[in-house]
Amino acid sequence: MLEGRVALVTGGGRGIGKAIALGLAEDGADVAVNFRRDEDAARETVAEIGKLGRRAGAYAASVDDHEQCEGMVRAVIADFGHVDILINNAGNASRGLTVADTDPAELERTVRTHAFGAWSCSKLVLPSMRTQPRGDIVMISSAATLHMAANSAPYNMAKAALEALAATLAKEERRNGIHVNTVAPGLVDTEMGRRLVKGAMGVSDIRSMDAGSAFGHVCSPEEVADAVRFLVSDRASYVTGQRIGVDGGAF
């Protein structure tokens, strides 16, 4: 269980981030929920965490901005005392264009959100995390890094950089009692997943893909959260530097 531990979940108001935030709260952690624009969703998640008997708060910051990340982490530590679990979940999708047709601004925005954001948040929580008996950083990546599909260069590059950061941090921070791991889902039934299949495949109802998916259903946010819950628990006391695919064995 996670009593006494404090988690910061970026992009924690919706989708996979919300499922992770609620899952960690169920396991006993207090949770800081980061959001960029959707304050209502973040505050709804905070309210649900409160019903579980845990402390929670909503913190606005665009993770692609280092100064905003600084302010967020400073506020979280002031409110909770420390951070010893960081879930780098905030992300965005690229537009599905070829390299030749991609605007450089899209590449920069996507890489900054996934890779620079995770770098900033990790860097900023490390001083607090190092003071605790145990620390955990989990990167939410993607099965995209295994097949590197065409028309996805910004997203593929961003997630590859995120995984490189995880592998590097795991080696650097092991001596400080900090575990760093990656969870890489495939298609998940979230707002982003629904937009993806509609735009790329013309599928208006993601549930229509259940029959052709592993185990008879598209992956749920809670199934991704379960992998995170394991990694930050005592059951993963000797696990670091690992990449866990939550894709039904599809890749």
C-alpha atoms as a PDB file:
ATOM      1  CA  MET A   1       0.000   0.000   0.000  1.00  0.00           C
ATOM      2  CA  LEU A   2       1.018   3.610  -0.532  1.00  0.00           C
ATOM      3  CA  GLU A   3       0.051   5.364   2.695  1.00  0.00           C
ATOM      4  CA  GLY A   4       2.283   8.340   3.401  1.00  0.00           C
ATOM      5  CA  ARG A   5       3.339   8.675  -0.212  1.00  0.00           C
ATOM      6  CA  VAL A   6       2.546  11.609  -2.500  1.00  0.00           C
ATOM      7  CA  ALA A   7       2.041  11.224  -6.253  1.00  0.00           C
ATOM      8  CA  LEU A   8       2.131  13.898  -8.939  1.00  0.00           C
ATOM      9  CA  VAL A   9       0.301  12.780 -12.088  1.00  0.00           C
ATOM     10  CA  THR A  10       0.716  15.012 -15.126  1.00  0.00           C
ATOM     11  CA  GLY A  11      -2.341  15.148 -17.346  1.00  0.00           C
ATOM     12  CA  GLY A  12      -4.158  13.548 -14.442  1.00  0.00           C
ATOM     13  CA  GLY A  13      -7.641  14.912 -15.014  1.00  0.00           C
ATOM     14  CA  ARG A  14      -8.762  12.674 -17.859  1.00  0.00           C
ATOM     15  CA  GLY A  15      -8.189   9.348 -19.578  1.00  0.00           C
ATOM     16  CA  ILE A  16      -5.190   7.279 -18.560  1.00  0.00           C
ATOM     17  CA  GLY A  17      -3.991   9.967 -16.159  1.00  0.00           C
ATOM     18  CA  LYS A  18      -7.280   9.996 -14.284  1.00  0.00           C
ATOM     19  CA  ALA A  19      -7.312   6.212 -13.999  1.00  0.00           C
ATOM     20  CA  ILE A  20      -3.775   6.303 -12.615  1.00  0.00           C
ATOM     21  CA  ALA A  21      -4.582   9.087 -10.151  1.00  0.00           C
ATOM     22  CA  LEU A  22      -7.613   7.214  -8.832  1.00  0.00           C
ATOM     23  CA  GLY A  23      -5.740   3.918  -8.714  1.00  0.00           C
ATOM     24  CA  LEU A  24      -2.891   5.381  -6.678  1.00  0.00           C
ATOM     25  CA  ALA A  25      -5.405   6.980  -4.321  1.00  0.00           C
ATOM     26  CA  GLU A  26      -7.160   3.637  -3.890  1.00  0.00           C
ATOM     27  CA  ASP A  27      -3.789   2.221  -2.866  1.00  0.00           C
ATOM     28  CA  GLY A  28      -3.359   4.934  -0.224  1.00  0.00           C
ATOM     29  CA  ALA A  29      -1.402   7.753  -1.884  1.00  0.00           C
ATOM     30  CA  ASP A  30      -2.259  11.430  -1.776  1.00  0.00           C
ATOM     31  CA  VAL A  31      -2.364  12.801  -5.317  1.00  0.00           C
ATOM     32  CA  ALA A  32      -1.530  16.077  -7.047  1.00  0.00           C
ATOM     33  CA  VAL A  33      -3.443  16.230 -10.334  1.00  0.00           C
ATOM     34  CA  ASN A  34      -1.834  18.323 -13.059  1.00  0.00           C
ATOM     35  CA  PHE A  35      -3.869  19.809 -15.891  1.00  0.00           C
ATOM     36  CA  ARG A  36      -3.201  22.204 -18.755  1.00  0.00           C
ATOM     37  CA  ARG A  37      -6.627  23.497 -19.816  1.00  0.00           C
ATOM     38  CA  ASP A  38      -9.441  21.300 -18.516  1.00  0.00           C
ATOM     39  CA  GLU A  39      -9.689  22.519 -14.931  1.00  0.00           C
ATOM     40  CA  ASP A  40     -13.203  21.122 -14.512  1.00  0.00           C
ATOM     41  CA  ALA A  41     -12.037  17.578 -15.294  1.00  0.00           C
ATOM     42  CA  ALA A  42      -9.066  17.910 -12.934  1.00  0.00           C
ATOM     43  CA  ARG A  43     -11.267  19.158 -10.103  1.00  0.00           C
ATOM     44  CA  GLU A  44     -13.714  16.322 -10.720  1.00  0.00           C
ATOM     45  CA  THR A  45     -10.846  13.859 -10.373  1.00  0.00           C
ATOM     46  CA  VAL A  46      -9.726  15.611  -7.179  1.00  0.00           C
ATOM     47  CA  ALA A  47     -13.256  15.285  -5.792  1.00  0.00           C
ATOM     48  CA  GLU A  48     -13.320  11.562  -6.589  1.00  0.00           C
ATOM     49  CA  ILE A  49      -9.984  11.111  -4.825  1.00  0.00           C
ATOM     50  CA  GLY A  50     -11.390  12.936  -1.814  1.00  0.00           C
ATOM     51  CA  LYS A  51     -14.263  10.440  -1.663  1.00  0.00           C
ATOM     52  CA  LEU A  52     -11.618   7.717  -1.343  1.00  0.00           C
ATOM     53  CA  GLY A  53     -10.348   9.400   1.800  1.00  0.00           C
ATOM     54  CA  ARG A  54      -7.135  10.760   0.326  1.00  0.00           C
ATOM     55  CA  ARG A  55      -5.818  14.293  -0.015  1.00  0.00           C
ATOM     56  CA  ALA A  56      -5.698  15.751  -3.511  1.00  0.00           C
ATOM     57  CA  GLY A  57      -5.290  19.017  -5.351  1.00  0.00           C
ATOM     58  CA  ALA A  58      -5.428  20.318  -8.918  1.00  0.00           C
ATOM     59  CA  TYR A  59      -2.406  22.173 -10.324  1.00  0.00           C
ATOM     60  CA  ALA A  60      -2.340  24.059 -13.605  1.00  0.00           C
ATOM     61  CA  ALA A  61       0.811  23.873 -15.730  1.00  0.00           C
ATOM     62  CA  SER A  62       1.664  23.242 -19.352  1.00  0.00           C
ATOM     63  CA  VAL A  63       4.460  20.702 -19.013  1.00  0.00           C
ATOM     64  CA  ASP A  64       6.200  21.962 -22.155  1.00  0.00           C
ATOM     65  CA  ASP A  65       7.073  25.135 -20.202  1.00  0.00           C
ATOM     66  CA  HIS A  66       9.857  24.634 -17.653  1.00  0.00           C
ATOM     67  CA  GLU A  67       8.920  27.698 -15.630  1.00  0.00           C
ATOM     68  CA  GLN A  68       5.335  26.502 -15.288  1.00  0.00           C
ATOM     69  CA  CYS A  69       6.612  23.110 -14.159  1.00  0.00           C
ATOM     70  CA  GLU A  70       8.768  24.845 -11.550  1.00  0.00           C
ATOM     71  CA  GLY A  71       5.780  26.681 -10.162  1.00  0.00           C
ATOM     72  CA  MET A  72       3.675  23.536 -10.108  1.00  0.00           C
ATOM     73  CA  VAL A  73       6.246  21.395  -8.313  1.00  0.00           C
ATOM     74  CA  ARG A  74       6.934  24.164  -5.821  1.00  0.00           C
ATOM     75  CA  ALA A  75       3.209  24.429  -5.060  1.00  0.00           C
ATOM     76  CA  VAL A  76       2.753  20.658  -4.722  1.00  0.00           C
ATOM     77  CA  ILE A  77       5.649  20.336  -2.294  1.00  0.00           C
ATOM     78  CA  ALA A  78       4.376  23.313  -0.287  1.00  0.00           C
ATOM     79  CA  ASP A  79       0.962  21.641  -0.007  1.00  0.00           C
ATOM     80  CA  PHE A  80       1.986  18.019   0.507  1.00  0.00           C
ATOM     81  CA  GLY A  81       5.511  18.242   1.927  1.00  0.00           C
ATOM     82  CA  HIS A  82       7.212  16.084  -0.682  1.00  0.00           C
ATOM     83  CA  VAL A  83       6.746  14.130  -3.900  1.00  0.00           C
ATOM     84  CA  ASP A  84       7.908  10.526  -4.055  1.00  0.00           C
ATOM     85  CA  ILE A  85       5.874   9.266  -7.024  1.00  0.00           C
ATOM     86  CA  LEU A  86       5.902  11.044 -10.386  1.00  0.00           C
ATOM     87  CA  ILE A  87       3.814   9.814 -13.306  1.00  0.00           C
ATOM     88  CA  ASN A  88       4.847  11.535 -16.535  1.00  0.00           C
ATOM     89  CA  ASN A  89       1.609  10.998 -18.417  1.00  0.00           C
ATOM     90  CA  ALA A  90       0.771  14.333 -20.108  1.00  0.00           C
ATOM     91  CA  GLY A  91       0.866  14.058 -23.865  1.00  0.00           C
ATOM     92  CA  ASN A  92      -0.615  15.032 -27.187  1.00  0.00           C
ATOM     93  CA  ALA A  93      -1.018  13.408 -30.572  1.00  0.00           C
ATOM     94  CA  SER A  94       0.562  14.442 -33.842  1.00  0.00           C
ATOM     95  CA  ARG A  95      -1.529  15.121 -36.946  1.00  0.00           C
ATOM     96  CA  GLY A  96      -0.716  12.014 -38.971  1.00  0.00           C
ATOM     97  CA  LEU A  97       1.296  13.682 -41.722  1.00  0.00           C
ATOM     98  CA  THR A  98       4.420  12.582 -43.551  1.00  0.00           C
ATOM     99  CA  VAL A  99       7.752  14.111 -42.587  1.00  0.00           C
ATOM    100  CA  ALA A 100       7.654  16.110 -45.819  1.00  0.00           C
ATOM    101  CA  ASP A 101       4.302  17.653 -44.876  1.00  0.00           C
ATOM    102  CA  THR A 102       4.850  18.197 -41.144  1.00  0.00           C
ATOM    103  CA  ASP A 103       5.180  21.730 -39.826  1.00  0.00           C
ATOM    104  CA  PRO A 104       8.341  22.112 -37.708  1.00  0.00           C
ATOM    105  CA  ALA A 105       6.210  23.757 -35.028  1.00  0.00           C
ATOM    106  CA  GLU A 106       4.193  20.539 -34.666  1.00  0.00           C
ATOM    107  CA  LEU A 107       7.366  18.517 -34.171  1.00  0.00           C
ATOM    108  CA  GLU A 108       8.649  20.924 -31.554  1.00  0.00           C
ATOM    109  CA  ARG A 109       5.333  21.071 -29.705  1.00  0.00           C
ATOM    110  CA  THR A 110       4.984  17.286 -29.571  1.00  0.00           C
ATOM    111  CA  VAL A 111       8.548  16.592 -28.479  1.00  0.00           C
ATOM    112  CA  ARG A 112       8.432  19.380 -25.901  1.00  0.00           C
ATOM    113  CA  THR A 113       5.228  18.014 -24.386  1.00  0.00           C
ATOM    114  CA  HIS A 114       6.319  14.397 -24.079  1.00  0.00           C
ATOM    115  CA  ALA A 115      10.086  14.541 -23.665  1.00  0.00           C
ATOM    116  CA  PHE A 116      10.955  18.030 -22.415  1.00  0.00           C
ATOM    117  CA  GLY A 117       7.966  17.950 -20.067  1.00  0.00           C
ATOM    118  CA  ALA A 118       8.989  14.645 -18.523  1.00  0.00           C
ATOM    119  CA  TRP A 119      12.579  15.884 -18.237  1.00  0.00           C
ATOM    120  CA  SER A 120      11.496  19.076 -16.465  1.00  0.00           C
ATOM    121  CA  CYS A 121       9.135  17.379 -14.034  1.00  0.00           C
ATOM    122  CA  SER A 122      11.643  14.631 -13.241  1.00  0.00           C
ATOM    123  CA  LYS A 123      14.461  17.109 -12.680  1.00  0.00           C
ATOM    124  CA  LEU A 124      12.300  19.266 -10.433  1.00  0.00           C
ATOM    125  CA  VAL A 125      10.958  16.499  -8.168  1.00  0.00           C
ATOM    126  CA  LEU A 126      14.278  14.697  -7.718  1.00  0.00           C
ATOM    127  CA  PRO A 127      15.569  16.808  -4.794  1.00  0.00           C
ATOM    128  CA  SER A 128      12.392  16.049  -2.824  1.00  0.00           C
ATOM    129  CA  MET A 129      12.247  12.430  -3.967  1.00  0.00           C
ATOM    130  CA  ARG A 130      15.813  11.757  -2.877  1.00  0.00           C
ATOM    131  CA  THR A 131      14.907  12.603   0.718  1.00  0.00           C
ATOM    132  CA  GLN A 132      12.299   9.845   0.888  1.00  0.00           C
ATOM    133  CA  PRO A 133      12.834   6.141   1.636  1.00  0.00           C
ATOM    134  CA  ARG A 134      11.756   5.289  -1.913  1.00  0.00           C
ATOM    135  CA  GLY A 135      11.009   7.190  -5.091  1.00  0.00           C
ATOM    136  CA  ASP A 136       9.242   6.153  -8.288  1.00  0.00           C
ATOM    137  CA  ILE A 137       9.093   7.782 -11.704  1.00  0.00           C
ATOM    138  CA  VAL A 138       6.915   6.144 -14.344  1.00  0.00           C
ATOM    139  CA  MET A 139       6.860   7.307 -17.948  1.00  0.00           C
ATOM    140  CA  ILE A 140       3.708   6.643 -19.952  1.00  0.00           C
ATOM    141  CA  SER A 141       4.999   5.860 -23.429  1.00  0.00           C
ATOM    142  CA  SER A 142       3.368   3.976 -26.301  1.00  0.00           C
ATOM    143  CA  ALA A 143       3.526   0.859 -28.414  1.00  0.00           C
ATOM    144  CA  ALA A 144       4.334   3.333 -31.205  1.00  0.00           C
ATOM    145  CA  THR A 145       8.022   3.066 -30.328  1.00  0.00           C
ATOM    146  CA  LEU A 146       8.041  -0.583 -31.396  1.00  0.00           C
ATOM    147  CA  HIS A 147       6.576  -0.257 -34.882  1.00  0.00           C
ATOM    148  CA  MET A 148       7.357   3.410 -35.732  1.00  0.00           C
ATOM    149  CA  ALA A 149       4.435   3.774 -38.117  1.00  0.00           C
ATOM    150  CA  ALA A 150       4.572   6.087 -41.092  1.00  0.00           C
ATOM    151  CA  ASN A 151       2.938   9.510 -40.806  1.00  0.00           C
ATOM    152  CA  SER A 152       3.737   9.714 -37.086  1.00  0.00           C
ATOM    153  CA  ALA A 153       7.264  11.099 -36.868  1.00  0.00           C
ATOM    154  CA  PRO A 154       6.614  13.775 -34.183  1.00  0.00           C
ATOM    155  CA  TYR A 155       4.847  11.318 -31.872  1.00  0.00           C
ATOM    156  CA  ASN A 156       7.305   8.482 -32.535  1.00  0.00           C
ATOM    157  CA  MET A 157      10.281  10.747 -31.910  1.00  0.00           C
ATOM    158  CA  ALA A 158       8.739  12.187 -28.747  1.00  0.00           C
ATOM    159  CA  LYS A 159       7.978   8.811 -27.200  1.00  0.00           C
ATOM    160  CA  ALA A 160      11.390   7.418 -28.181  1.00  0.00           C
ATOM    161  CA  ALA A 161      13.032  10.343 -26.392  1.00  0.00           C
ATOM    162  CA  LEU A 162      10.805   9.734 -23.361  1.00  0.00           C
ATOM    163  CA  GLU A 163      11.963   6.117 -23.189  1.00  0.00           C
ATOM    164  CA  ALA A 164      15.595   7.204 -23.531  1.00  0.00           C
ATOM    165  CA  LEU A 165      15.092   9.533 -20.588  1.00  0.00           C
ATOM    166  CA  ALA A 166      13.623   6.697 -18.512  1.00  0.00           C
ATOM    167  CA  ALA A 167      16.533   4.365 -19.267  1.00  0.00           C
ATOM    168  CA  THR A 168      19.052   7.062 -18.392  1.00  0.00           C
ATOM    169  CA  LEU A 169      17.330   8.148 -15.175  1.00  0.00           C
ATOM    170  CA  ALA A 170      17.021   4.554 -13.980  1.00  0.00           C
ATOM    171  CA  LYS A 171      20.809   4.237 -14.021  1.00  0.00           C
ATOM    172  CA  GLU A 172      21.445   7.657 -12.479  1.00  0.00           C
ATOM    173  CA  GLU A 173      18.953   7.460  -9.618  1.00  0.00           C
ATOM    174  CA  ARG A 174      19.149   3.826  -8.546  1.00  0.00           C
ATOM    175  CA  ARG A 175      21.756   4.755  -5.937  1.00  0.00           C
ATOM    176  CA  ASN A 176      19.228   7.193  -4.471  1.00  0.00           C
ATOM    177  CA  GLY A 177      16.538   4.547  -4.025  1.00  0.00           C
ATOM    178  CA  ILE A 178      14.522   5.802  -6.997  1.00  0.00           C
ATOM    179  CA  HIS A 179      12.891   3.374  -9.421  1.00  0.00           C
ATOM    180  CA  VAL A 180      12.314   4.550 -12.995  1.00  0.00           C
ATOM    181  CA  ASN A 181      10.160   2.497 -15.351  1.00  0.00           C
ATOM    182  CA  THR A 182       8.070   2.856 -18.497  1.00  0.00           C
ATOM    183  CA  VAL A 183       4.539   1.694 -19.259  1.00  0.00           C
ATOM    184  CA  ALA A 184       3.730   1.513 -22.969  1.00  0.00           C
ATOM    185  CA  PRO A 185       0.087   0.953 -23.926  1.00  0.00           C
ATOM    186  CA  GLY A 186      -1.296   0.321 -27.360  1.00  0.00           C
ATOM    187  CA  LEU A 187      -4.705   1.661 -28.330  1.00  0.00           C
ATOM    188  CA  VAL A 188      -6.666   2.684 -25.224  1.00  0.00           C
ATOM    189  CA  ASP A 189     -10.319   3.650 -24.913  1.00  0.00           C
ATOM    190  CA  THR A 190      -9.773   7.331 -24.122  1.00  0.00           C
ATOM    191  CA  GLU A 191     -10.790  10.559 -25.804  1.00  0.00           C
ATOM    192  CA  MET A 192      -7.439  10.613 -27.628  1.00  0.00           C
ATOM    193  CA  GLY A 193      -7.825   6.973 -28.654  1.00  0.00           C
ATOM    194  CA  ARG A 194     -11.297   7.618 -29.995  1.00  0.00           C
ATOM    195  CA  ARG A 195     -10.062  10.602 -32.002  1.00  0.00           C
ATOM    196  CA  LEU A 196      -7.201   8.519 -33.348  1.00  0.00           C
ATOM    197  CA  VAL A 197      -9.304   5.686 -34.701  1.00  0.00           C
ATOM    198  CA  LYS A 198     -11.865   8.071 -36.134  1.00  0.00           C
ATOM    199  CA  GLY A 199      -9.239  10.140 -37.939  1.00  0.00           C
ATOM    200  CA  ALA A 200      -6.949   7.325 -39.054  1.00  0.00           C
ATOM    201  CA  MET A 201      -9.449   4.541 -39.686  1.00  0.00           C
ATOM    202  CA  GLY A 202     -12.869   6.171 -39.969  1.00  0.00           C
ATOM    203  CA  VAL A 203     -14.100   4.225 -36.937  1.00  0.00           C
ATOM    204  CA  SER A 204     -16.753   6.245 -35.126  1.00  0.00           C
ATOM    205  CA  ASP A 205     -17.253   3.791 -32.243  1.00  0.00           C
ATOM    206  CA  ILE A 206     -14.057   2.439 -30.696  1.00  0.00           C
ATOM    207  CA  ARG A 207     -16.063  -0.324 -29.000  1.00  0.00           C
ATOM    208  CA  SER A 208     -16.751  -1.779 -32.440  1.00  0.00           C
ATOM    209  CA  MET A 209     -13.080  -2.814 -32.389  1.00  0.00           C
ATOM    210  CA  ASP A 210     -13.511  -5.026 -29.314  1.00  0.00           C
ATOM    211  CA  ALA A 211     -14.035  -8.270 -31.199  1.00  0.00           C
ATOM    212  CA  GLY A 212     -10.778  -7.909 -33.119  1.00  0.00           C
ATOM    213  CA  SER A 213      -8.751  -6.803 -30.087  1.00  0.00           C
ATOM    214  CA  ALA A 214      -6.719  -8.915 -27.686  1.00  0.00           C
ATOM    215  CA  PHE A 215      -8.850 -10.593 -24.997  1.00  0.00           C
ATOM    216  CA  GLY A 216     -12.000  -9.363 -26.742  1.00  0.00           C
ATOM    217  CA  HIS A 217     -11.790  -5.677 -25.858  1.00  0.00           C
ATOM    218  CA  VAL A 218      -9.846  -2.480 -26.486  1.00  0.00           C
ATOM    219  CA  CYS A 219      -7.526  -1.717 -23.581  1.00  0.00           C
ATOM    220  CA  SER A 220      -9.087   0.352 -20.791  1.00  0.00           C
ATOM    221  CA  PRO A 221      -7.363   3.200 -18.900  1.00  0.00           C
ATOM    222  CA  GLU A 222      -7.686   1.125 -15.733  1.00  0.00           C
ATOM    223  CA  GLU A 223      -5.634  -1.700 -17.261  1.00  0.00           C
ATOM    224  CA  VAL A 224      -2.820   0.769 -17.919  1.00  0.00           C
ATOM    225  CA  ALA A 225      -3.194   2.119 -14.390  1.00  0.00           C
ATOM    226  CA  ASP A 226      -2.865  -1.379 -12.953  1.00  0.00           C
ATOM    227  CA  ALA A 227       0.619  -1.700 -14.440  1.00  0.00           C
ATOM    228  CA  VAL A 228       1.596   1.626 -12.878  1.00  0.00           C
ATOM    229  CA  ARG A 229       0.154   0.590  -9.519  1.00  0.00           C
ATOM    230  CA  PHE A 230       2.321  -2.525  -9.570  1.00  0.00           C
ATOM    231  CA  LEU A 231       5.486  -0.650 -10.478  1.00  0.00           C
ATOM    232  CA  VAL A 232       5.216   1.845  -7.607  1.00  0.00           C
ATOM    233  CA  SER A 233       4.259  -0.814  -5.048  1.00  0.00           C
ATOM    234  CA  ASP A 234       6.370  -2.921  -2.709  1.00  0.00           C
ATOM    235  CA  ARG A 235       5.748  -5.838  -5.063  1.00  0.00           C
ATOM    236  CA  ALA A 236       8.118  -4.112  -7.507  1.00  0.00           C
ATOM    237  CA  SER A 237      10.819  -3.370  -4.934  1.00  0.00           C
ATOM    238  CA  TYR A 238      13.548  -4.775  -7.210  1.00  0.00           C
ATOM    239  CA  VAL A 239      12.230  -3.487 -10.531  1.00  0.00           C
ATOM    240  CA  THR A 240      13.760  -0.527 -12.336  1.00  0.00           C
ATOM    241  CA  GLY A 241      14.763   0.360 -15.870  1.00  0.00           C
ATOM    242  CA  GLN A 242      11.958  -1.774 -17.334  1.00  0.00           C
ATOM    243  CA  ARG A 243       9.468  -1.162 -20.128  1.00  0.00           C
ATOM    244  CA  ILE A 244       6.113  -2.885 -19.649  1.00  0.00           C
ATOM    245  CA  GLY A 245       3.937  -3.126 -22.729  1.00  0.00           C
ATOM    246  CA  VAL A 246       0.184  -2.985 -22.071  1.00  0.00           C
ATOM    247  CA  ASP A 247      -0.911  -3.809 -25.592  1.00  0.00           C
ATOM    248  CA  GLY A 248      -2.396  -7.290 -25.371  1.00  0.00           C
ATOM    249  CA  GLY A 249       0.724  -8.755 -26.972  1.00  0.00           C
ATOM    250  CA  ALA A 250      -0.101  -7.092 -30.265  1.00  0.00           C
ATOM    251  CA  PHE A 251       3.416  -5.783 -30.904  1.00  0.00           C
END
